[in-house]
Amino acid sequence: MFISSAFAQTAPAAAGGDTQSTLMSILPLVLMFVVLYFVMIRPQMKKQKEHRSMIDALAKGDEVVTAGGLLGKISKLGEGNLGIEIANGVEVQVQRTAVVQVLPKGSIK
């Protein structure tokens, strides 16, 4: 009276060998990776390349900012290190990769 009769459903037809439906199911995943590459990976690689070229172009007398926030003028250049004069007679050694920005000449007084 309150319970309706249940009937078994027929099994759906098997999609044996339908390459178009398989391709259509993979397409959103491929598109997602393409968008991810152009939105995240490619700009990050470009930024790393610009930073590497900035570090390679450092010269004595350049005014720089380090990742720790120190501002100073490059007094010594080494292979992997820099000597940065942060005040008169005060020089610190930092790694080249710690430099995040090269300032225009005359920025530090």
PDB file of N, CA and C in Angstrom:
ATOM      1  N   MET A   1       0.811  -1.177   0.000  1.00  0.00           N
ATOM      2  CA  MET A   1       0.000   0.000   0.000  1.00  0.00           C
ATOM      3  C   MET A   1       0.865   1.255   0.000  1.00  0.00           C
ATOM      4  N   PHE A   2       1.800   1.379   0.957  1.00  0.00           N
ATOM      5  CA  PHE A   2       2.672   2.544   0.982  1.00  0.00           C
ATOM      6  C   PHE A   2       3.967   2.330   0.210  1.00  0.00           C
ATOM      7  N   ILE A   3       4.319   1.125  -0.066  1.00  0.00           N
ATOM      8  CA  ILE A   3       5.574   0.814  -0.748  1.00  0.00           C
ATOM      9  C   ILE A   3       5.269   0.490  -2.199  1.00  0.00           C
ATOM     10  N   SER A   4       5.981   1.182  -3.101  1.00  0.00           N
ATOM     11  CA  SER A   4       5.743   0.924  -4.520  1.00  0.00           C
ATOM     12  C   SER A   4       6.620  -0.224  -4.979  1.00  0.00           C
ATOM     13  N   SER A   5       6.278  -0.800  -6.059  1.00  0.00           N
ATOM     14  CA  SER A   5       7.031  -1.923  -6.588  1.00  0.00           C
ATOM     15  C   SER A   5       8.321  -1.416  -7.225  1.00  0.00           C
ATOM     16  N   ALA A   6       9.432  -2.143  -7.038  1.00  0.00           N
ATOM     17  CA  ALA A   6      10.725  -1.791  -7.622  1.00  0.00           C
ATOM     18  C   ALA A   6      10.983  -2.687  -8.817  1.00  0.00           C
ATOM     19  N   PHE A   7      11.405  -2.104  -9.887  1.00  0.00           N
ATOM     20  CA  PHE A   7      11.704  -2.851 -11.090  1.00  0.00           C
ATOM     21  C   PHE A   7      13.180  -2.667 -11.422  1.00  0.00           C
ATOM     22  N   ALA A   8      13.820  -3.722 -11.860  1.00  0.00           N
ATOM     23  CA  ALA A   8      15.225  -3.656 -12.239  1.00  0.00           C
ATOM     24  C   ALA A   8      15.371  -2.912 -13.559  1.00  0.00           C
ATOM     25  N   GLN A   9      16.435  -2.114 -13.622  1.00  0.00           N
ATOM     26  CA  GLN A   9      16.688  -1.377 -14.848  1.00  0.00           C
ATOM     27  C   GLN A   9      17.595  -2.204 -15.749  1.00  0.00           C
ATOM     28  N   THR A  10      17.490  -1.946 -17.034  1.00  0.00           N
ATOM     29  CA  THR A  10      18.359  -2.655 -17.971  1.00  0.00           C
ATOM     30  C   THR A  10      19.747  -2.023 -17.930  1.00  0.00           C
ATOM     31  N   ALA A  11      20.757  -2.815 -18.138  1.00  0.00           N
ATOM     32  CA  ALA A  11      22.135  -2.333 -18.118  1.00  0.00           C
ATOM     33  C   ALA A  11      22.374  -1.411 -19.310  1.00  0.00           C
ATOM     34  N   PRO A  12      23.140  -0.328 -19.096  1.00  0.00           N
ATOM     35  CA  PRO A  12      23.430   0.568 -20.219  1.00  0.00           C
ATOM     36  C   PRO A  12      24.341  -0.126 -21.225  1.00  0.00           C
ATOM     37  N   ALA A  13      24.236   0.295 -22.449  1.00  0.00           N
ATOM     38  CA  ALA A  13      25.043  -0.299 -23.519  1.00  0.00           C
ATOM     39  C   ALA A  13      26.506   0.037 -23.287  1.00  0.00           C
ATOM     40  N   ALA A  14      27.372  -0.924 -23.477  1.00  0.00           N
ATOM     41  CA  ALA A  14      28.807  -0.714 -23.287  1.00  0.00           C
ATOM     42  C   ALA A  14      29.357   0.135 -24.417  1.00  0.00           C
ATOM     43  N   ALA A  15      30.280   1.037 -24.074  1.00  0.00           N
ATOM     44  CA  ALA A  15      30.870   1.934 -25.073  1.00  0.00           C
ATOM     45  C   ALA A  15      32.176   1.339 -25.561  1.00  0.00           C
ATOM     46  N   GLY A  16      32.108   0.201 -26.111  1.00  0.00           N
ATOM     47  CA  GLY A  16      33.321  -0.491 -26.554  1.00  0.00           C
ATOM     48  C   GLY A  16      33.913   0.138 -27.791  1.00  0.00           C
ATOM     49  N   GLY A  17      35.136   0.712 -27.648  1.00  0.00           N
ATOM     50  CA  GLY A  17      35.857   1.216 -28.802  1.00  0.00           C
ATOM     51  C   GLY A  17      35.428   2.592 -29.279  1.00  0.00           C
ATOM     52  N   ASP A  18      34.691   3.327 -28.510  1.00  0.00           N
ATOM     53  CA  ASP A  18      34.256   4.662 -28.923  1.00  0.00           C
ATOM     54  C   ASP A  18      35.347   5.666 -28.567  1.00  0.00           C
ATOM     55  N   THR A  19      36.247   5.927 -29.522  1.00  0.00           N
ATOM     56  CA  THR A  19      37.399   6.784 -29.249  1.00  0.00           C
ATOM     57  C   THR A  19      37.010   8.247 -29.095  1.00  0.00           C
ATOM     58  N   GLN A  20      35.938   8.657 -29.712  1.00  0.00           N
ATOM     59  CA  GLN A  20      35.527  10.057 -29.614  1.00  0.00           C
ATOM     60  C   GLN A  20      35.103  10.394 -28.194  1.00  0.00           C
ATOM     61  N   SER A  21      34.374   9.518 -27.521  1.00  0.00           N
ATOM     62  CA  SER A  21      33.950   9.800 -26.155  1.00  0.00           C
ATOM     63  C   SER A  21      35.143   9.766 -25.198  1.00  0.00           C
ATOM     64  N   THR A  22      36.121   8.920 -25.473  1.00  0.00           N
ATOM     65  CA  THR A  22      37.324   8.869 -24.642  1.00  0.00           C
ATOM     66  C   THR A  22      38.116  10.163 -24.800  1.00  0.00           C
ATOM     67  N   LEU A  23      38.245  10.645 -26.016  1.00  0.00           N
ATOM     68  CA  LEU A  23      38.958  11.890 -26.275  1.00  0.00           C
ATOM     69  C   LEU A  23      38.246  13.067 -25.621  1.00  0.00           C
ATOM     70  N   MET A  24      36.944  13.079 -25.693  1.00  0.00           N
ATOM     71  CA  MET A  24      36.175  14.171 -25.090  1.00  0.00           C
ATOM     72  C   MET A  24      36.282  14.157 -23.567  1.00  0.00           C
ATOM     73  N   SER A  25      36.492  13.004 -22.964  1.00  0.00           N
ATOM     74  CA  SER A  25      36.627  12.955 -21.511  1.00  0.00           C
ATOM     75  C   SER A  25      38.016  13.378 -21.058  1.00  0.00           C
ATOM     76  N   ILE A  26      39.035  13.237 -21.911  1.00  0.00           N
ATOM     77  CA  ILE A  26      40.404  13.641 -21.580  1.00  0.00           C
ATOM     78  C   ILE A  26      40.639  15.116 -21.909  1.00  0.00           C
ATOM     79  N   LEU A  27      39.885  15.671 -22.830  1.00  0.00           N
ATOM     80  CA  LEU A  27      40.085  17.041 -23.287  1.00  0.00           C
ATOM     81  C   LEU A  27      40.048  18.082 -22.160  1.00  0.00           C
ATOM     82  N   PRO A  28      39.115  18.056 -21.223  1.00  0.00           N
ATOM     83  CA  PRO A  28      39.133  19.056 -20.143  1.00  0.00           C
ATOM     84  C   PRO A  28      40.411  19.000 -19.295  1.00  0.00           C
ATOM     85  N   LEU A  29      40.935  17.829 -19.068  1.00  0.00           N
ATOM     86  CA  LEU A  29      42.163  17.676 -18.297  1.00  0.00           C
ATOM     87  C   LEU A  29      43.346  18.289 -19.045  1.00  0.00           C
ATOM     88  N   VAL A  30      43.421  18.051 -20.334  1.00  0.00           N
ATOM     89  CA  VAL A  30      44.506  18.620 -21.150  1.00  0.00           C
ATOM     90  C   VAL A  30      44.384  20.141 -21.188  1.00  0.00           C
ATOM     91  N   LEU A  31      43.183  20.649 -21.362  1.00  0.00           N
ATOM     92  CA  LEU A  31      42.980  22.102 -21.384  1.00  0.00           C
ATOM     93  C   LEU A  31      43.360  22.733 -20.050  1.00  0.00           C
ATOM     94  N   MET A  32      43.090  22.055 -18.952  1.00  0.00           N
ATOM     95  CA  MET A  32      43.435  22.567 -17.637  1.00  0.00           C
ATOM     96  C   MET A  32      44.959  22.701 -17.499  1.00  0.00           C
ATOM     97  N   PHE A  33      45.724  21.720 -17.978  1.00  0.00           N
ATOM     98  CA  PHE A  33      47.175  21.799 -17.907  1.00  0.00           C
ATOM     99  C   PHE A  33      47.731  22.890 -18.809  1.00  0.00           C
ATOM    100  N   VAL A  34      47.125  23.108 -19.963  1.00  0.00           N
ATOM    101  CA  VAL A  34      47.569  24.174 -20.863  1.00  0.00           C
ATOM    102  C   VAL A  34      47.345  25.539 -20.212  1.00  0.00           C
ATOM    103  N   VAL A  35      46.188  25.740 -19.621  1.00  0.00           N
ATOM    104  CA  VAL A  35      45.896  27.004 -18.941  1.00  0.00           C
ATOM    105  C   VAL A  35      46.843  27.187 -17.756  1.00  0.00           C
ATOM    106  N   LEU A  36      47.087  26.145 -16.988  1.00  0.00           N
ATOM    107  CA  LEU A  36      47.998  26.207 -15.850  1.00  0.00           C
ATOM    108  C   LEU A  36      49.399  26.616 -16.305  1.00  0.00           C
ATOM    109  N   TYR A  37      49.848  26.081 -17.420  1.00  0.00           N
ATOM    110  CA  TYR A  37      51.170  26.428 -17.934  1.00  0.00           C
ATOM    111  C   TYR A  37      51.255  27.913 -18.263  1.00  0.00           C
ATOM    112  N   PHE A  38      50.272  28.438 -18.991  1.00  0.00           N
ATOM    113  CA  PHE A  38      50.331  29.834 -19.417  1.00  0.00           C
ATOM    114  C   PHE A  38      50.025  30.817 -18.293  1.00  0.00           C
ATOM    115  N   VAL A  39      49.296  30.411 -17.276  1.00  0.00           N
ATOM    116  CA  VAL A  39      48.937  31.328 -16.193  1.00  0.00           C
ATOM    117  C   VAL A  39      49.956  31.311 -15.065  1.00  0.00           C
ATOM    118  N   MET A  40      50.534  30.145 -14.756  1.00  0.00           N
ATOM    119  CA  MET A  40      51.417  30.057 -13.595  1.00  0.00           C
ATOM    120  C   MET A  40      52.867  29.732 -13.935  1.00  0.00           C
ATOM    121  N   ILE A  41      53.115  28.718 -14.698  1.00  0.00           N
ATOM    122  CA  ILE A  41      54.470  28.214 -14.886  1.00  0.00           C
ATOM    123  C   ILE A  41      55.298  29.141 -15.773  1.00  0.00           C
ATOM    124  N   ARG A  42      54.765  29.554 -16.890  1.00  0.00           N
ATOM    125  CA  ARG A  42      55.519  30.386 -17.833  1.00  0.00           C
ATOM    126  C   ARG A  42      55.904  31.742 -17.237  1.00  0.00           C
ATOM    127  N   PRO A  43      54.988  32.473 -16.562  1.00  0.00           N
ATOM    128  CA  PRO A  43      55.398  33.745 -15.950  1.00  0.00           C
ATOM    129  C   PRO A  43      56.465  33.571 -14.862  1.00  0.00           C
ATOM    130  N   GLN A  44      56.395  32.481 -14.102  1.00  0.00           N
ATOM    131  CA  GLN A  44      57.395  32.237 -13.068  1.00  0.00           C
ATOM    132  C   GLN A  44      58.769  31.986 -13.682  1.00  0.00           C
ATOM    133  N   MET A  45      58.814  31.236 -14.772  1.00  0.00           N
ATOM    134  CA  MET A  45      60.090  30.986 -15.441  1.00  0.00           C
ATOM    135  C   MET A  45      60.666  32.285 -16.004  1.00  0.00           C
ATOM    136  N   LYS A  46      59.814  33.158 -16.533  1.00  0.00           N
ATOM    137  CA  LYS A  46      60.257  34.436 -17.071  1.00  0.00           C
ATOM    138  C   LYS A  46      60.833  35.315 -15.958  1.00  0.00           C
ATOM    139  N   LYS A  47      60.177  35.305 -14.804  1.00  0.00           N
ATOM    140  CA  LYS A  47      60.638  36.095 -13.659  1.00  0.00           C
ATOM    141  C   LYS A  47      61.999  35.589 -13.170  1.00  0.00           C
ATOM    142  N   GLN A  48      62.186  34.275 -13.115  1.00  0.00           N
ATOM    143  CA  GLN A  48      63.463  33.704 -12.704  1.00  0.00           C
ATOM    144  C   GLN A  48      64.570  34.081 -13.684  1.00  0.00           C
ATOM    145  N   LYS A  49      64.270  34.080 -14.964  1.00  0.00           N
ATOM    146  CA  LYS A  49      65.259  34.429 -15.979  1.00  0.00           C
ATOM    147  C   LYS A  49      65.676  35.897 -15.842  1.00  0.00           C
ATOM    148  N   GLU A  50      64.729  36.793 -15.582  1.00  0.00           N
ATOM    149  CA  GLU A  50      65.037  38.208 -15.401  1.00  0.00           C
ATOM    150  C   GLU A  50      65.897  38.419 -14.155  1.00  0.00           C
ATOM    151  N   HIS A  51      65.588  37.700 -13.061  1.00  0.00           N
ATOM    152  CA  HIS A  51      66.365  37.826 -11.826  1.00  0.00           C
ATOM    153  C   HIS A  51      67.789  37.332 -12.042  1.00  0.00           C
ATOM    154  N   ARG A  52      67.943  36.225 -12.752  1.00  0.00           N
ATOM    155  CA  ARG A  52      69.266  35.675 -13.038  1.00  0.00           C
ATOM    156  C   ARG A  52      70.087  36.659 -13.868  1.00  0.00           C
ATOM    157  N   SER A  53      69.482  37.299 -14.859  1.00  0.00           N
ATOM    158  CA  SER A  53      70.223  38.259 -15.692  1.00  0.00           C
ATOM    159  C   SER A  53      70.566  39.516 -14.892  1.00  0.00           C
ATOM    160  N   MET A  54      69.693  39.925 -13.946  1.00  0.00           N
ATOM    161  CA  MET A  54      69.992  41.082 -13.095  1.00  0.00           C
ATOM    162  C   MET A  54      71.197  40.776 -12.200  1.00  0.00           C
ATOM    163  N   ILE A  55      71.244  39.576 -11.647  1.00  0.00           N
ATOM    164  CA  ILE A  55      72.343  39.188 -10.763  1.00  0.00           C
ATOM    165  C   ILE A  55      73.647  39.083 -11.545  1.00  0.00           C
ATOM    166  N   ASP A  56      73.593  38.589 -12.766  1.00  0.00           N
ATOM    167  CA  ASP A  56      74.798  38.485 -13.588  1.00  0.00           C
ATOM    168  C   ASP A  56      75.333  39.859 -13.986  1.00  0.00           C
ATOM    169  N   ALA A  57      74.463  40.865 -14.050  1.00  0.00           N
ATOM    170  CA  ALA A  57      74.854  42.202 -14.495  1.00  0.00           C
ATOM    171  C   ALA A  57      75.286  43.117 -13.350  1.00  0.00           C
ATOM    172  N   LEU A  58      75.342  42.621 -12.116  1.00  0.00           N
ATOM    173  CA  LEU A  58      75.744  43.462 -10.991  1.00  0.00           C
ATOM    174  C   LEU A  58      77.178  43.937 -11.175  1.00  0.00           C
ATOM    175  N   ALA A  59      77.423  45.195 -10.802  1.00  0.00           N
ATOM    176  CA  ALA A  59      78.757  45.774 -10.933  1.00  0.00           C
ATOM    177  C   ALA A  59      79.094  46.558  -9.673  1.00  0.00           C
ATOM    178  N   LYS A  60      80.376  46.805  -9.486  1.00  0.00           N
ATOM    179  CA  LYS A  60      80.839  47.573  -8.338  1.00  0.00           C
ATOM    180  C   LYS A  60      80.267  48.991  -8.424  1.00  0.00           C
ATOM    181  N   GLY A  61      79.728  49.468  -7.312  1.00  0.00           N
ATOM    182  CA  GLY A  61      79.127  50.806  -7.277  1.00  0.00           C
ATOM    183  C   GLY A  61      77.618  50.800  -7.433  1.00  0.00           C
ATOM    184  N   ASP A  62      77.024  49.673  -7.809  1.00  0.00           N
ATOM    185  CA  ASP A  62      75.568  49.590  -7.923  1.00  0.00           C
ATOM    186  C   ASP A  62      74.935  49.676  -6.539  1.00  0.00           C
ATOM    187  N   GLU A  63      73.800  50.344  -6.463  1.00  0.00           N
ATOM    188  CA  GLU A  63      73.048  50.430  -5.217  1.00  0.00           C
ATOM    189  C   GLU A  63      71.947  49.383  -5.270  1.00  0.00           C
ATOM    190  N   VAL A  64      71.904  48.535  -4.230  1.00  0.00           N
ATOM    191  CA  VAL A  64      71.014  47.379  -4.265  1.00  0.00           C
ATOM    192  C   VAL A  64      70.212  47.260  -2.971  1.00  0.00           C
ATOM    193  N   VAL A  65      69.153  46.444  -3.060  1.00  0.00           N
ATOM    194  CA  VAL A  65      68.344  46.059  -1.905  1.00  0.00           C
ATOM    195  C   VAL A  65      68.431  44.546  -1.801  1.00  0.00           C
ATOM    196  N   THR A  66      68.661  44.044  -0.588  1.00  0.00           N
ATOM    197  CA  THR A  66      68.739  42.598  -0.389  1.00  0.00           C
ATOM    198  C   THR A  66      67.392  42.060   0.063  1.00  0.00           C
ATOM    199  N   ALA A  67      67.286  40.730   0.090  1.00  0.00           N
ATOM    200  CA  ALA A  67      66.042  40.093   0.517  1.00  0.00           C
ATOM    201  C   ALA A  67      65.741  40.389   1.984  1.00  0.00           C
ATOM    202  N   GLY A  68      66.770  40.661   2.777  1.00  0.00           N
ATOM    203  CA  GLY A  68      66.584  40.987   4.184  1.00  0.00           C
ATOM    204  C   GLY A  68      66.236  42.444   4.418  1.00  0.00           C
ATOM    205  N   GLY A  69      66.249  43.256   3.372  1.00  0.00           N
ATOM    206  CA  GLY A  69      65.870  44.656   3.497  1.00  0.00           C
ATOM    207  C   GLY A  69      67.036  45.609   3.631  1.00  0.00           C
ATOM    208  N   LEU A  70      68.269  45.125   3.524  1.00  0.00           N
ATOM    209  CA  LEU A  70      69.432  46.001   3.600  1.00  0.00           C
ATOM    210  C   LEU A  70      69.597  46.779   2.308  1.00  0.00           C
ATOM    211  N   LEU A  71      69.895  48.078   2.443  1.00  0.00           N
ATOM    212  CA  LEU A  71      70.199  48.918   1.294  1.00  0.00           C
ATOM    213  C   LEU A  71      71.664  49.266   1.372  1.00  0.00           C
ATOM    214  N   GLY A  72      72.362  49.181   0.261  1.00  0.00           N
ATOM    215  CA  GLY A  72      73.772  49.513   0.274  1.00  0.00           C
ATOM    216  C   GLY A  72      74.348  49.572  -1.119  1.00  0.00           C
ATOM    217  N   LYS A  73      75.636  49.919  -1.142  1.00  0.00           N
ATOM    218  CA  LYS A  73      76.361  50.044  -2.397  1.00  0.00           C
ATOM    219  C   LYS A  73      77.356  48.897  -2.478  1.00  0.00           C
ATOM    220  N   ILE A  74      77.434  48.258  -3.631  1.00  0.00           N
ATOM    221  CA  ILE A  74      78.345  47.134  -3.817  1.00  0.00           C
ATOM    222  C   ILE A  74      79.777  47.659  -3.816  1.00  0.00           C
ATOM    223  N   SER A  75      80.597  47.087  -2.910  1.00  0.00           N
ATOM    224  CA  SER A  75      81.992  47.502  -2.824  1.00  0.00           C
ATOM    225  C   SER A  75      82.940  46.413  -3.309  1.00  0.00           C
ATOM    226  N   LYS A  76      82.540  45.151  -3.191  1.00  0.00           N
ATOM    227  CA  LYS A  76      83.370  44.034  -3.639  1.00  0.00           C
ATOM    228  C   LYS A  76      82.494  43.025  -4.373  1.00  0.00           C
ATOM    229  N   LEU A  77      83.025  42.479  -5.431  1.00  0.00           N
ATOM    230  CA  LEU A  77      82.332  41.435  -6.179  1.00  0.00           C
ATOM    231  C   LEU A  77      83.097  40.132  -6.048  1.00  0.00           C
ATOM    232  N   GLY A  78      82.398  39.075  -5.722  1.00  0.00           N
ATOM    233  CA  GLY A  78      82.993  37.754  -5.688  1.00  0.00           C
ATOM    234  C   GLY A  78      82.212  36.833  -6.605  1.00  0.00           C
ATOM    235  N   GLU A  79      82.632  35.579  -6.640  1.00  0.00           N
ATOM    236  CA  GLU A  79      81.954  34.612  -7.501  1.00  0.00           C
ATOM    237  C   GLU A  79      80.524  34.356  -7.033  1.00  0.00           C
ATOM    238  N   GLY A  80      80.356  34.117  -5.729  1.00  0.00           N
ATOM    239  CA  GLY A  80      79.021  33.849  -5.204  1.00  0.00           C
ATOM    240  C   GLY A  80      78.587  34.841  -4.147  1.00  0.00           C
ATOM    241  N   ASN A  81      79.517  35.731  -3.748  1.00  0.00           N
ATOM    242  CA  ASN A  81      79.232  36.690  -2.687  1.00  0.00           C
ATOM    243  C   ASN A  81      79.462  38.116  -3.151  1.00  0.00           C
ATOM    244  N   LEU A  82      78.867  39.046  -2.404  1.00  0.00           N
ATOM    245  CA  LEU A  82      79.052  40.473  -2.650  1.00  0.00           C
ATOM    246  C   LEU A  82      79.432  41.138  -1.338  1.00  0.00           C
ATOM    247  N   GLY A  83      80.263  42.148  -1.410  1.00  0.00           N
ATOM    248  CA  GLY A  83      80.504  43.011  -0.263  1.00  0.00           C
ATOM    249  C   GLY A  83      79.660  44.251  -0.449  1.00  0.00           C
ATOM    250  N   ILE A  84      78.749  44.495   0.494  1.00  0.00           N
ATOM    251  CA  ILE A  84      77.857  45.646   0.388  1.00  0.00           C
ATOM    252  C   ILE A  84      78.160  46.603   1.528  1.00  0.00           C
ATOM    253  N   GLU A  85      78.452  47.849   1.167  1.00  0.00           N
ATOM    254  CA  GLU A  85      78.704  48.882   2.171  1.00  0.00           C
ATOM    255  C   GLU A  85      77.364  49.509   2.543  1.00  0.00           C
ATOM    256  N   ILE A  86      76.951  49.276   3.801  1.00  0.00           N
ATOM    257  CA  ILE A  86      75.639  49.767   4.232  1.00  0.00           C
ATOM    258  C   ILE A  86      75.745  51.094   4.970  1.00  0.00           C
ATOM    259  N   ALA A  87      76.948  51.454   5.416  1.00  0.00           N
ATOM    260  CA  ALA A  87      77.234  52.753   6.034  1.00  0.00           C
ATOM    261  C   ALA A  87      78.710  53.023   5.836  1.00  0.00           C
ATOM    262  N   ASN A  88      79.171  54.218   6.179  1.00  0.00           N
ATOM    263  CA  ASN A  88      80.584  54.536   6.018  1.00  0.00           C
ATOM    264  C   ASN A  88      81.412  53.615   6.903  1.00  0.00           C
ATOM    265  N   GLY A  89      82.263  52.804   6.292  1.00  0.00           N
ATOM    266  CA  GLY A  89      83.130  51.892   7.020  1.00  0.00           C
ATOM    267  C   GLY A  89      82.469  50.601   7.477  1.00  0.00           C
ATOM    268  N   VAL A  90      81.200  50.374   7.151  1.00  0.00           N
ATOM    269  CA  VAL A  90      80.493  49.155   7.549  1.00  0.00           C
ATOM    270  C   VAL A  90      80.166  48.357   6.289  1.00  0.00           C
ATOM    271  N   GLU A  91      80.769  47.187   6.192  1.00  0.00           N
ATOM    272  CA  GLU A  91      80.568  46.344   5.010  1.00  0.00           C
ATOM    273  C   GLU A  91      80.091  44.967   5.448  1.00  0.00           C
ATOM    274  N   VAL A  92      79.093  44.445   4.761  1.00  0.00           N
ATOM    275  CA  VAL A  92      78.584  43.102   5.038  1.00  0.00           C
ATOM    276  C   VAL A  92      78.742  42.248   3.788  1.00  0.00           C
ATOM    277  N   GLN A  93      78.872  40.955   4.011  1.00  0.00           N
ATOM    278  CA  GLN A  93      78.974  40.001   2.911  1.00  0.00           C
ATOM    279  C   GLN A  93      77.616  39.320   2.749  1.00  0.00           C
ATOM    280  N   VAL A  94      77.094  39.293   1.542  1.00  0.00           N
ATOM    281  CA  VAL A  94      75.830  38.611   1.249  1.00  0.00           C
ATOM    282  C   VAL A  94      76.011  37.769  -0.015  1.00  0.00           C
ATOM    283  N   GLN A  95      75.138  36.800  -0.157  1.00  0.00           N
ATOM    284  CA  GLN A  95      75.149  36.008  -1.389  1.00  0.00           C
ATOM    285  C   GLN A  95      74.569  36.830  -2.525  1.00  0.00           C
ATOM    286  N   ARG A  96      75.029  36.546  -3.722  1.00  0.00           N
ATOM    287  CA  ARG A  96      74.506  37.270  -4.902  1.00  0.00           C
ATOM    288  C   ARG A  96      72.992  37.108  -5.048  1.00  0.00           C
ATOM    289  N   THR A  97      72.506  35.908  -4.749  1.00  0.00           N
ATOM    290  CA  THR A  97      71.071  35.639  -4.929  1.00  0.00           C
ATOM    291  C   THR A  97      70.204  36.388  -3.934  1.00  0.00           C
ATOM    292  N   ALA A  98      70.802  36.987  -2.888  1.00  0.00           N
ATOM    293  CA  ALA A  98      70.026  37.745  -1.905  1.00  0.00           C
ATOM    294  C   ALA A  98      69.616  39.109  -2.438  1.00  0.00           C
ATOM    295  N   VAL A  99      70.224  39.552  -3.517  1.00  0.00           N
ATOM    296  CA  VAL A  99      69.878  40.851  -4.102  1.00  0.00           C
ATOM    297  C   VAL A  99      68.549  40.716  -4.837  1.00  0.00           C
ATOM    298  N   VAL A 100      67.594  41.567  -4.473  1.00  0.00           N
ATOM    299  CA  VAL A 100      66.275  41.491  -5.103  1.00  0.00           C
ATOM    300  C   VAL A 100      65.982  42.672  -6.023  1.00  0.00           C
ATOM    301  N   GLN A 101      66.758  43.764  -5.858  1.00  0.00           N
ATOM    302  CA  GLN A 101      66.473  44.933  -6.680  1.00  0.00           C
ATOM    303  C   GLN A 101      67.729  45.788  -6.808  1.00  0.00           C
ATOM    304  N   VAL A 102      67.946  46.339  -7.978  1.00  0.00           N
ATOM    305  CA  VAL A 102      69.013  47.309  -8.200  1.00  0.00           C
ATOM    306  C   VAL A 102      68.350  48.678  -8.270  1.00  0.00           C
ATOM    307  N   LEU A 103      68.815  49.590  -7.416  1.00  0.00           N
ATOM    308  CA  LEU A 103      68.226  50.922  -7.331  1.00  0.00           C
ATOM    309  C   LEU A 103      68.905  51.863  -8.324  1.00  0.00           C
ATOM    310  N   PRO A 104      68.221  52.932  -8.711  1.00  0.00           N
ATOM    311  CA  PRO A 104      68.868  53.926  -9.565  1.00  0.00           C
ATOM    312  C   PRO A 104      70.012  54.614  -8.800  1.00  0.00           C
ATOM    313  N   LYS A 105      71.007  55.069  -9.517  1.00  0.00           N
ATOM    314  CA  LYS A 105      72.154  55.736  -8.886  1.00  0.00           C
ATOM    315  C   LYS A 105      71.683  56.957  -8.092  1.00  0.00           C
ATOM    316  N   GLY A 106      72.238  57.120  -6.899  1.00  0.00           N
ATOM    317  CA  GLY A 106      71.897  58.262  -6.065  1.00  0.00           C
ATOM    318  C   GLY A 106      70.680  58.057  -5.186  1.00  0.00           C
ATOM    319  N   SER A 107      70.148  56.855  -5.137  1.00  0.00           N
ATOM    320  CA  SER A 107      68.973  56.595  -4.298  1.00  0.00           C
ATOM    321  C   SER A 107      69.323  56.580  -2.822  1.00  0.00           C
ATOM    322  N   ILE A 108      70.521  56.092  -2.506  1.00  0.00           N
ATOM    323  CA  ILE A 108      70.965  55.999  -1.120  1.00  0.00           C
ATOM    324  C   ILE A 108      71.831  57.211  -0.824  1.00  0.00           C
ATOM    325  N   LYS A 109      71.499  57.909   0.247  1.00  0.00           N
ATOM    326  CA  LYS A 109      72.268  59.121   0.591  1.00  0.00           C
ATOM    327  C   LYS A 109      73.088  58.891   1.815  1.00  0.00           C
TER     328      LYS A 109
END
